Amino acid sequence: MHAITIPEPGGPEALVWSEVPDAVAGEGEVLVEVVAGAVNRADILQRQGFYNPPPGASPYPGLECSGRIAEIGPGVSGWAVGDEVCALLAGGGYAEKVAVPAGQLLPVPKGLDVRRAAALPEVVCTVWSNVFMVAHLRPGETLLVHGGSSGIGTMAIQLAKAVGAKVAVTAGTPEKLERCAELGADILINYREQDFVEEVKKATDGAGADVILDNMGAKYLDRNVTALAVNGRLAIIGMQGGIKGELNIATLLNKRAAISATSLRARPLEEKTAIVAAVREHVWPLLDAGHIRPVVDRELPMSDAAAAHRVVEESGHIGKVLLVTP
């Protein structure tokens, strides 16, 4: 089979489409013939040498994919060869085949092309686990999403609206904010021209956001806490703005607020299985009914993963960038 390898860390040109040994389904796994994978910023960090796969995971980048089951490993039930699936991965999505723990598989939603399903697993599991399982967003509350036009952001908007929440987003261009509005965002903030703390306070009559989904980390830490409502919850899922920041603990205490920080890739199998099960129970009915949909910016050949990485690094996209196998 072929896969994207990284002989030496570096820029997008470090991604090489190479012939590699075939993936094999082990105990509790299925082998998926990959139709498409999706690009995540974690893949860029791996390419740069900063985010290695967890022990035992595929060495190739790619945290989500879609395709068809080619082989059922020992101890697996409930799936059959030929089933169209999408999968949450610890690695290996940039390849023609990948072995996946059965608990991290999801069926392709009704009415959705198998390729586009590659845009779902990582973003849906990230949003559902952080915004709903950890931060417990409730109907009528306000969610602030940083990077509203990203893959994570476009899904967070839709899921929050589906449960009856109000949604504020930040983005860097009018075009991106317009797309967020089309998905249901209520409060549109151009972070290049507006102060998100001030805008959120203004839009909520001074109360602030009940939940904030943050991909920036250190750069926004103190301002995020300032933007929180009383009993607010800040969920940090990224470090695009650095890893060390200052925080006014008094503000946190006065608001009785909470901060959580999670990553998905290195979680134990049983935790990922529980998240995927919750997503299948709560989110898949919305997808099957067509109430929410992945936002796909473009599809590129997997062999040209370097071009896809350049698009994502330059933030020249809205939603997800997919890599399609030959």
Protein backbone atom coordinates (compact mmCIF):
# COMPACT_ATOMS: atom_id res chain seq x y z
CA MET A 1 0.00 0.00 0.00
CA HIS A 2 0.98 3.66 -0.15
CA ALA A 3 1.02 6.19 2.67
CA ILE A 4 2.31 9.66 3.42
CA THR A 5 5.57 9.30 5.31
CA ILE A 6 7.76 11.89 7.02
CA PRO A 7 11.41 10.85 6.49
CA GLU A 8 12.58 14.06 8.19
CA PRO A 9 10.50 16.70 10.02
CA GLY A 10 10.09 19.98 8.21
CA GLY A 11 7.83 22.01 5.96
CA PRO A 12 5.05 20.65 3.75
CA GLU A 13 7.66 19.22 1.37
CA ALA A 14 8.59 16.75 4.15
CA LEU A 15 5.43 14.77 3.30
CA VAL A 16 6.32 11.92 0.93
CA TRP A 17 3.88 9.52 -0.79
CA SER A 18 5.70 6.21 -0.30
CA GLU A 19 5.18 2.48 -0.68
CA VAL A 20 4.96 0.95 2.79
CA PRO A 21 4.02 -2.45 4.31
CA ASP A 22 0.31 -3.25 4.30
CA ALA A 23 -1.65 -2.44 7.44
CA VAL A 24 -3.00 -5.51 9.23
CA ALA A 25 -6.11 -5.77 11.43
CA GLY A 26 -5.23 -7.04 14.91
CA GLU A 27 -7.38 -8.22 17.79
CA GLY A 28 -10.46 -6.01 18.10
CA GLU A 29 -9.66 -4.11 14.91
CA VAL A 30 -10.94 -3.82 11.35
CA LEU A 31 -8.97 -2.96 8.23
CA VAL A 32 -10.38 0.01 6.36
CA GLU A 33 -9.64 0.75 2.71
CA VAL A 34 -9.34 4.51 2.89
CA VAL A 35 -11.37 6.65 0.49
CA ALA A 36 -10.46 9.97 2.12
CA GLY A 37 -8.67 11.45 5.09
CA ALA A 38 -8.86 14.95 6.55
CA VAL A 39 -6.19 17.45 7.52
CA ASN A 40 -5.96 18.59 11.15
CA ARG A 41 -3.51 21.00 12.74
CA ALA A 42 -2.18 18.09 14.79
CA ASP A 43 -0.95 16.60 11.50
CA ILE A 44 1.05 19.77 10.87
CA LEU A 45 2.63 19.53 14.31
CA GLN A 46 3.55 15.90 13.62
CA ARG A 47 5.09 16.87 10.29
CA GLN A 48 7.16 19.49 12.08
CA GLY A 49 8.41 16.96 14.62
CA PHE A 50 6.46 18.29 17.61
CA TYR A 51 3.64 15.76 18.02
CA ASN A 52 4.60 12.11 17.72
CA PRO A 53 1.96 9.38 17.58
CA PRO A 54 1.22 7.57 20.86
CA PRO A 55 2.92 4.19 21.40
CA GLY A 56 1.51 1.47 19.15
CA ALA A 57 -0.20 3.88 16.74
CA SER A 58 0.52 4.11 13.02
CA PRO A 59 3.55 6.31 12.30
CA TYR A 60 1.74 8.01 9.41
CA PRO A 61 -0.22 11.24 9.97
CA GLY A 62 -4.00 11.42 9.84
CA LEU A 63 -6.45 11.43 12.75
CA GLU A 64 -9.63 10.62 10.83
CA CYS A 65 -10.65 8.90 7.63
CA SER A 66 -13.53 7.34 5.74
CA GLY A 67 -13.71 4.25 3.57
CA ARG A 68 -14.92 0.68 3.40
CA ILE A 69 -14.18 -2.26 5.66
CA ALA A 70 -11.84 -4.69 3.86
CA GLU A 71 -11.19 -7.16 6.68
CA ILE A 72 -12.57 -7.99 10.12
CA GLY A 73 -10.02 -8.81 12.81
CA PRO A 74 -10.43 -11.34 15.62
CA GLY A 75 -12.94 -10.46 18.33
CA VAL A 76 -14.94 -7.96 16.26
CA SER A 77 -18.70 -8.15 15.85
CA GLY A 78 -21.35 -5.80 14.52
CA TRP A 79 -19.45 -4.86 11.36
CA ALA A 80 -19.13 -6.54 7.96
CA VAL A 81 -16.75 -6.41 5.03
CA GLY A 82 -17.96 -3.73 2.63
CA ASP A 83 -19.55 -1.48 5.27
CA GLU A 84 -18.99 2.21 4.58
CA VAL A 85 -17.49 3.79 7.69
CA CYS A 86 -15.60 6.73 9.06
CA ALA A 87 -13.12 6.41 11.89
CA LEU A 88 -11.37 8.27 14.68
CA LEU A 89 -7.65 7.44 14.55
CA ALA A 90 -4.49 7.86 16.59
CA GLY A 91 -2.65 8.00 13.25
CA GLY A 92 -2.54 6.45 9.81
CA GLY A 93 -5.30 8.29 7.98
CA TYR A 94 -2.95 9.50 5.23
CA ALA A 95 -2.76 6.02 3.71
CA GLU A 96 -4.57 3.61 1.41
CA LYS A 97 -5.37 1.28 4.32
CA VAL A 98 -5.51 1.65 8.08
CA ALA A 99 -6.25 -0.67 11.01
CA VAL A 100 -8.88 0.79 13.34
CA PRO A 101 -10.12 -0.33 16.77
CA ALA A 102 -13.75 -1.34 16.26
CA GLY A 103 -14.86 1.02 19.03
CA GLN A 104 -13.62 4.00 17.00
CA LEU A 105 -15.73 3.24 13.93
CA LEU A 106 -18.88 5.08 12.91
CA PRO A 107 -21.21 4.34 9.99
CA VAL A 108 -21.34 6.87 7.17
CA PRO A 109 -24.43 8.99 7.89
CA LYS A 110 -27.45 8.62 5.64
CA GLY A 111 -27.36 10.81 2.56
CA LEU A 112 -23.68 11.68 2.96
CA ASP A 113 -21.04 10.75 0.42
CA VAL A 114 -18.40 8.43 1.86
CA ARG A 115 -15.61 10.89 1.00
CA ARG A 116 -17.17 13.77 2.91
CA ALA A 117 -17.65 11.56 5.95
CA ALA A 118 -13.86 11.81 6.45
CA ALA A 119 -14.50 15.35 7.72
CA LEU A 120 -16.53 14.12 10.69
CA PRO A 121 -14.83 11.89 13.30
CA GLU A 122 -12.15 14.15 14.79
CA VAL A 123 -14.22 17.33 14.79
CA VAL A 124 -17.43 15.77 16.06
CA CYS A 125 -15.67 13.82 18.81
CA THR A 126 -13.69 16.91 19.84
CA VAL A 127 -16.72 19.19 19.95
CA TRP A 128 -19.06 16.74 21.62
CA SER A 129 -16.58 15.63 24.27
CA ASN A 130 -15.48 19.17 25.19
CA VAL A 131 -18.57 21.33 24.73
CA PHE A 132 -21.18 18.82 25.92
CA MET A 133 -19.55 16.02 27.94
CA VAL A 134 -17.10 18.27 29.84
CA ALA A 135 -18.48 21.84 29.66
CA HIS A 136 -22.16 20.74 29.65
CA LEU A 137 -23.53 23.40 27.30
CA ARG A 138 -27.27 23.73 27.87
CA PRO A 139 -30.17 25.15 25.87
CA GLY A 140 -30.39 28.93 26.20
CA GLU A 141 -26.73 29.35 27.13
CA THR A 142 -24.15 31.23 25.05
CA LEU A 143 -21.20 29.45 23.46
CA LEU A 144 -18.19 31.42 22.18
CA VAL A 145 -16.20 29.56 19.52
CA HIS A 146 -12.77 30.84 18.55
CA GLY A 147 -11.95 30.04 14.94
CA GLY A 148 -15.60 29.71 13.97
CA SER A 149 -14.82 28.96 10.32
CA SER A 150 -12.49 26.05 11.05
CA GLY A 151 -13.54 22.41 10.87
CA ILE A 152 -14.04 22.40 14.64
CA GLY A 153 -15.79 25.75 14.58
CA THR A 154 -18.24 24.97 11.80
CA MET A 155 -19.32 21.81 13.60
CA ALA A 156 -19.50 23.50 17.01
CA ILE A 157 -21.84 26.16 15.62
CA GLN A 158 -24.22 23.57 14.20
CA LEU A 159 -24.28 21.33 17.26
CA ALA A 160 -24.77 24.23 19.66
CA LYS A 161 -27.66 25.59 17.59
CA ALA A 162 -29.16 22.09 17.40
CA VAL A 163 -29.48 22.00 21.20
CA GLY A 164 -30.86 25.53 21.44
CA ALA A 165 -27.80 27.53 22.47
CA LYS A 166 -26.79 31.00 21.29
CA VAL A 167 -23.47 31.07 19.41
CA ALA A 168 -20.77 33.73 19.18
CA VAL A 169 -17.78 33.22 16.89
CA THR A 170 -14.48 34.86 16.11
CA ALA A 171 -12.94 34.78 12.63
CA GLY A 172 -10.50 36.91 10.67
CA THR A 173 -12.39 37.90 7.51
CA PRO A 174 -15.90 39.03 6.55
CA GLU A 175 -16.19 36.00 4.24
CA LYS A 176 -15.50 33.60 7.09
CA LEU A 177 -17.93 35.39 9.39
CA GLU A 178 -20.61 35.28 6.69
CA ARG A 179 -20.19 31.51 6.39
CA CYS A 180 -20.49 31.19 10.18
CA ALA A 181 -23.72 33.19 10.03
CA GLU A 182 -25.08 30.86 7.35
CA LEU A 183 -24.46 27.95 9.74
CA GLY A 184 -26.41 29.71 12.49
CA ALA A 185 -23.92 31.86 14.43
CA ASP A 186 -25.69 34.74 16.18
CA ILE A 187 -22.76 36.97 17.20
CA LEU A 188 -20.04 37.62 14.61
CA ILE A 189 -16.69 39.01 15.80
CA ASN A 190 -13.80 39.95 13.52
CA TYR A 191 -10.87 39.37 15.85
CA ARG A 192 -8.62 41.59 13.69
CA GLU A 193 -10.87 44.61 14.24
CA GLN A 194 -12.93 43.93 17.38
CA ASP A 195 -12.30 42.97 21.00
CA PHE A 196 -14.10 39.67 21.54
CA VAL A 197 -14.46 40.30 25.29
CA GLU A 198 -16.26 43.58 24.68
CA GLU A 199 -18.42 42.19 21.88
CA VAL A 200 -19.54 39.13 23.86
CA LYS A 201 -20.38 41.25 26.90
CA LYS A 202 -22.34 43.68 24.72
CA ALA A 203 -24.31 40.89 23.05
CA THR A 204 -25.19 39.21 26.37
CA ASP A 205 -26.17 42.35 28.32
CA GLY A 206 -22.94 42.15 30.28
CA ALA A 207 -23.29 38.51 31.32
CA GLY A 208 -20.59 36.92 29.15
CA ALA A 209 -20.28 33.49 27.55
CA ASP A 210 -21.37 30.41 29.47
CA VAL A 211 -18.97 28.17 27.54
CA ILE A 212 -15.90 29.09 25.48
CA LEU A 213 -14.27 26.64 23.06
CA ASP A 214 -10.70 27.86 22.63
CA ASN A 215 -8.02 26.80 20.17
CA MET A 216 -5.55 29.57 21.03
CA GLY A 217 -4.31 28.68 24.51
CA ALA A 218 -1.96 31.13 26.21
CA LYS A 219 -2.67 34.20 24.06
CA TYR A 220 -6.36 34.24 24.96
CA LEU A 221 -6.25 32.72 28.45
CA ASP A 222 -6.82 35.82 30.61
CA ARG A 223 -9.22 37.44 28.13
CA ASN A 224 -11.25 34.25 27.88
CA VAL A 225 -11.73 34.16 31.65
CA THR A 226 -12.77 37.82 31.55
CA ALA A 227 -15.30 36.96 28.83
CA LEU A 228 -16.85 34.12 30.85
CA ALA A 229 -20.17 34.45 32.60
CA VAL A 230 -20.64 33.54 36.26
CA ASN A 231 -20.35 29.73 36.48
CA GLY A 232 -18.81 29.78 32.99
CA ARG A 233 -16.66 27.00 31.56
CA LEU A 234 -13.57 27.44 29.39
CA ALA A 235 -12.59 24.42 27.27
CA ILE A 236 -9.07 24.65 25.82
CA ILE A 237 -8.32 22.37 22.88
CA GLY A 238 -5.36 24.04 21.17
CA MET A 239 -2.15 26.00 21.59
CA GLN A 240 -2.02 28.12 18.44
CA GLY A 241 -1.40 31.17 20.63
CA GLY A 242 1.32 29.64 22.81
CA ILE A 243 1.65 27.37 25.82
CA LYS A 244 2.33 29.71 28.76
CA GLY A 245 -0.02 32.48 29.83
CA GLU A 246 -0.94 34.56 32.90
CA LEU A 247 -4.27 34.19 34.63
CA ASN A 248 -6.05 36.34 37.21
CA ILE A 249 -7.15 33.72 39.72
CA ALA A 250 -9.33 36.26 41.53
CA THR A 251 -11.46 36.67 38.42
CA LEU A 252 -11.80 32.91 38.12
CA LEU A 253 -12.82 32.61 41.76
CA ASN A 254 -15.29 35.50 41.64
CA LYS A 255 -16.99 33.93 38.64
CA ARG A 256 -16.94 30.43 40.11
CA ALA A 257 -15.67 29.44 36.67
CA ALA A 258 -13.91 26.30 35.48
CA ILE A 259 -11.14 25.63 32.98
CA SER A 260 -10.64 22.29 31.26
CA ALA A 261 -7.99 21.29 28.75
CA THR A 262 -8.11 18.10 26.73
CA SER A 263 -6.54 16.33 23.79
CA LEU A 264 -8.06 13.38 21.98
CA ARG A 265 -5.26 11.51 20.25
CA ALA A 266 -3.47 10.03 23.26
CA ARG A 267 -6.53 9.10 25.30
CA PRO A 268 -6.87 5.45 26.29
CA LEU A 269 -8.88 3.21 23.99
CA GLU A 270 -11.75 2.91 26.47
CA GLU A 271 -12.14 6.71 26.68
CA LYS A 272 -12.18 7.09 22.90
CA THR A 273 -14.68 4.27 22.64
CA ALA A 274 -16.96 6.02 25.15
CA ILE A 275 -16.74 9.31 23.25
CA VAL A 276 -17.47 7.63 19.91
CA ALA A 277 -20.45 5.82 21.47
CA ALA A 278 -21.81 9.12 22.82
CA VAL A 279 -21.35 10.75 19.42
CA ARG A 280 -23.19 7.91 17.70
CA GLU A 281 -26.05 8.21 20.18
CA HIS A 282 -26.43 11.99 20.21
CA VAL A 283 -24.93 13.39 17.00
CA TRP A 284 -25.50 10.71 14.37
CA PRO A 285 -29.31 11.09 14.44
CA LEU A 286 -28.81 14.78 13.58
CA LEU A 287 -26.54 13.84 10.69
CA ASP A 288 -28.88 11.09 9.47
CA ALA A 289 -31.74 13.58 9.45
CA GLY A 290 -29.68 16.19 7.58
CA HIS A 291 -29.92 18.76 10.40
CA ILE A 292 -26.14 19.18 10.47
CA ARG A 293 -23.47 18.52 7.84
CA PRO A 294 -19.68 18.64 7.63
CA VAL A 295 -18.30 21.72 5.89
CA VAL A 296 -15.70 20.74 3.28
CA ASP A 297 -13.59 23.45 1.68
CA ARG A 298 -11.84 21.32 -0.94
CA GLU A 299 -10.59 17.86 -1.84
CA LEU A 300 -7.00 17.22 -2.94
CA PRO A 301 -5.17 14.03 -3.93
CA MET A 302 -3.61 12.35 -0.90
CA SER A 303 -0.31 12.17 -2.77
CA ASP A 304 -0.37 15.99 -2.74
CA ALA A 305 -0.74 16.29 1.02
CA ALA A 306 1.87 19.04 0.97
CA ALA A 307 -0.52 21.36 -0.89
CA ALA A 308 -3.27 20.60 1.62
CA HIS A 309 -0.97 21.43 4.53
CA ARG A 310 -0.07 24.76 2.94
CA VAL A 311 -3.77 25.66 2.66
CA VAL A 312 -4.42 24.84 6.33
CA GLU A 313 -1.27 26.56 7.59
CA GLU A 314 -2.22 29.74 5.73
CA SER A 315 -5.80 29.50 7.06
CA GLY A 316 -6.96 29.72 3.48
CA HIS A 317 -9.96 27.48 4.02
CA ILE A 318 -13.40 27.27 5.60
CA GLY A 319 -14.27 23.95 7.21
CA LYS A 320 -12.19 20.89 6.34
CA VAL A 321 -9.61 20.07 3.69
CA LEU A 322 -9.83 16.43 2.53
CA LEU A 323 -7.20 14.11 1.05
CA VAL A 324 -8.60 11.60 -1.43
CA THR A 325 -6.89 8.32 -2.27
CA PRO A 326 -6.23 7.37 -5.92
